[in-house]
């Protein structure tokens, strides 16, 4: 019933991660990444004025948590390099596949 909160978290984590791949300066990437909190809040507030839609504090919280996850992941990747992310994702996917076969 609350799967949409997971979708919000994943979507905003992705939005917050993208600036780290686009900007070369960590400060610019950080500001752009954290600006996604304002985007999420603005969209939720705007829904209040759309017939049939409503603002949700839970959605705002899921958005903000997603931004935090994306910001931390992006910051780490800026430090470690994007090749390290690919290796880590391959390891995670491979171990998840191994676990599902047990």
Protein backbone atom coordinates (compact mmCIF):
# COMPACT_ATOMS: atom_id res chain seq x y z
CA UNK A 1 0.00 0.00 0.00
CA UNK A 2 2.93 2.42 0.53
CA UNK A 3 5.04 1.36 -2.43
CA UNK A 4 4.74 4.89 -3.80
CA UNK A 5 7.00 6.08 -0.97
CA UNK A 6 9.70 3.70 -2.20
CA UNK A 7 9.18 5.05 -5.71
CA UNK A 8 9.58 8.62 -4.41
CA UNK A 9 12.76 7.65 -2.56
CA UNK A 10 14.31 5.95 -5.59
CA UNK A 11 13.28 8.73 -7.98
CA UNK A 12 14.70 11.51 -5.84
CA UNK A 13 17.86 9.54 -5.06
CA UNK A 14 18.43 9.33 -8.80
CA UNK A 15 17.70 13.05 -9.26
CA UNK A 16 20.17 13.91 -6.50
CA UNK A 17 22.84 11.58 -7.90
CA UNK A 18 22.78 12.98 -11.44
CA UNK A 19 24.44 16.35 -10.66
CA UNK A 20 27.48 14.51 -9.29
CA UNK A 21 28.00 12.97 -12.71
CA UNK A 22 27.35 16.26 -14.53
CA UNK A 23 29.34 18.84 -12.54
CA UNK A 24 33.10 18.78 -12.12
CA UNK A 25 33.09 20.98 -9.01
CA UNK A 26 31.84 19.19 -5.87
CA UNK A 27 30.29 22.38 -4.46
CA UNK A 28 28.17 22.89 -7.60
CA UNK A 29 27.15 19.23 -7.61
CA UNK A 30 26.25 19.42 -3.95
CA UNK A 31 24.05 22.52 -4.35
CA UNK A 32 22.33 21.10 -7.43
CA UNK A 33 21.78 17.80 -5.67
CA UNK A 34 20.34 19.36 -2.52
CA UNK A 35 18.11 21.65 -4.61
CA UNK A 36 16.05 18.54 -5.35
CA UNK A 37 14.58 18.87 -1.85
CA UNK A 38 13.09 22.20 -2.97
CA UNK A 39 11.83 20.61 -6.17
CA UNK A 40 10.10 17.82 -4.25
CA UNK A 41 8.59 20.22 -1.74
CA UNK A 42 7.41 22.56 -4.49
CA UNK A 43 5.74 19.76 -6.40
CA UNK A 44 3.96 18.55 -3.26
CA UNK A 45 2.74 22.07 -2.42
CA UNK A 46 1.60 22.62 -6.02
CA UNK A 47 -0.53 19.48 -5.81
CA UNK A 48 -2.64 21.21 -3.18
CA UNK A 49 -3.96 23.50 -5.93
CA UNK A 50 -4.71 20.75 -8.46
CA UNK A 51 -8.22 19.24 -8.30
CA UNK A 52 -8.12 15.59 -7.29
CA UNK A 53 -4.55 15.81 -5.93
CA UNK A 54 -3.28 16.51 -2.44
CA UNK A 55 0.02 17.37 -0.79
CA UNK A 56 1.56 14.67 1.36
CA UNK A 57 4.09 15.16 4.13
CA UNK A 58 4.99 11.48 3.83
CA UNK A 59 5.84 12.01 0.15
CA UNK A 60 7.95 15.04 1.09
CA UNK A 61 9.80 12.95 3.66
CA UNK A 62 10.40 10.14 1.14
CA UNK A 63 11.64 12.73 -1.38
CA UNK A 64 14.03 14.27 1.15
CA UNK A 65 15.32 10.86 2.25
CA UNK A 66 15.91 9.95 -1.39
CA UNK A 67 17.82 13.19 -1.92
CA UNK A 68 19.97 12.43 1.12
CA UNK A 69 20.75 8.94 -0.23
CA UNK A 70 21.57 10.32 -3.68
CA UNK A 71 23.71 13.10 -2.22
CA UNK A 72 25.75 10.69 -0.09
CA UNK A 73 26.14 8.24 -2.99
CA UNK A 74 27.18 11.04 -5.36
CA UNK A 75 29.63 12.51 -2.87
CA UNK A 76 31.18 9.10 -2.35
CA UNK A 77 31.45 8.48 -6.07
CA UNK A 78 33.01 11.88 -6.65
CA UNK A 79 35.67 10.81 -4.17
CA UNK A 80 36.08 7.17 -5.28
CA UNK A 81 35.43 7.51 -9.00
CA UNK A 82 32.58 6.26 -11.15
CA UNK A 83 34.36 3.05 -12.15
CA UNK A 84 34.22 2.01 -8.49
CA UNK A 85 30.43 2.43 -8.56
CA UNK A 86 30.12 0.12 -11.55
CA UNK A 87 32.24 -2.53 -9.81
CA UNK A 88 30.20 -2.20 -6.62
CA UNK A 89 26.89 -2.48 -8.50
CA UNK A 90 28.07 -5.59 -10.33
CA UNK A 91 29.07 -7.15 -6.99
CA UNK A 92 25.70 -6.26 -5.41
CA UNK A 93 23.70 -7.58 -8.36
CA UNK A 94 25.77 -10.76 -8.51
CA UNK A 95 25.39 -11.44 -4.78
CA UNK A 96 21.64 -10.72 -4.96
CA UNK A 97 21.35 -13.18 -7.82
CA UNK A 98 23.29 -15.80 -5.84
CA UNK A 99 21.05 -15.27 -2.81
CA UNK A 100 17.86 -15.65 -4.89
CA UNK A 101 19.06 -19.06 -6.12
CA UNK A 102 19.46 -20.45 -2.60
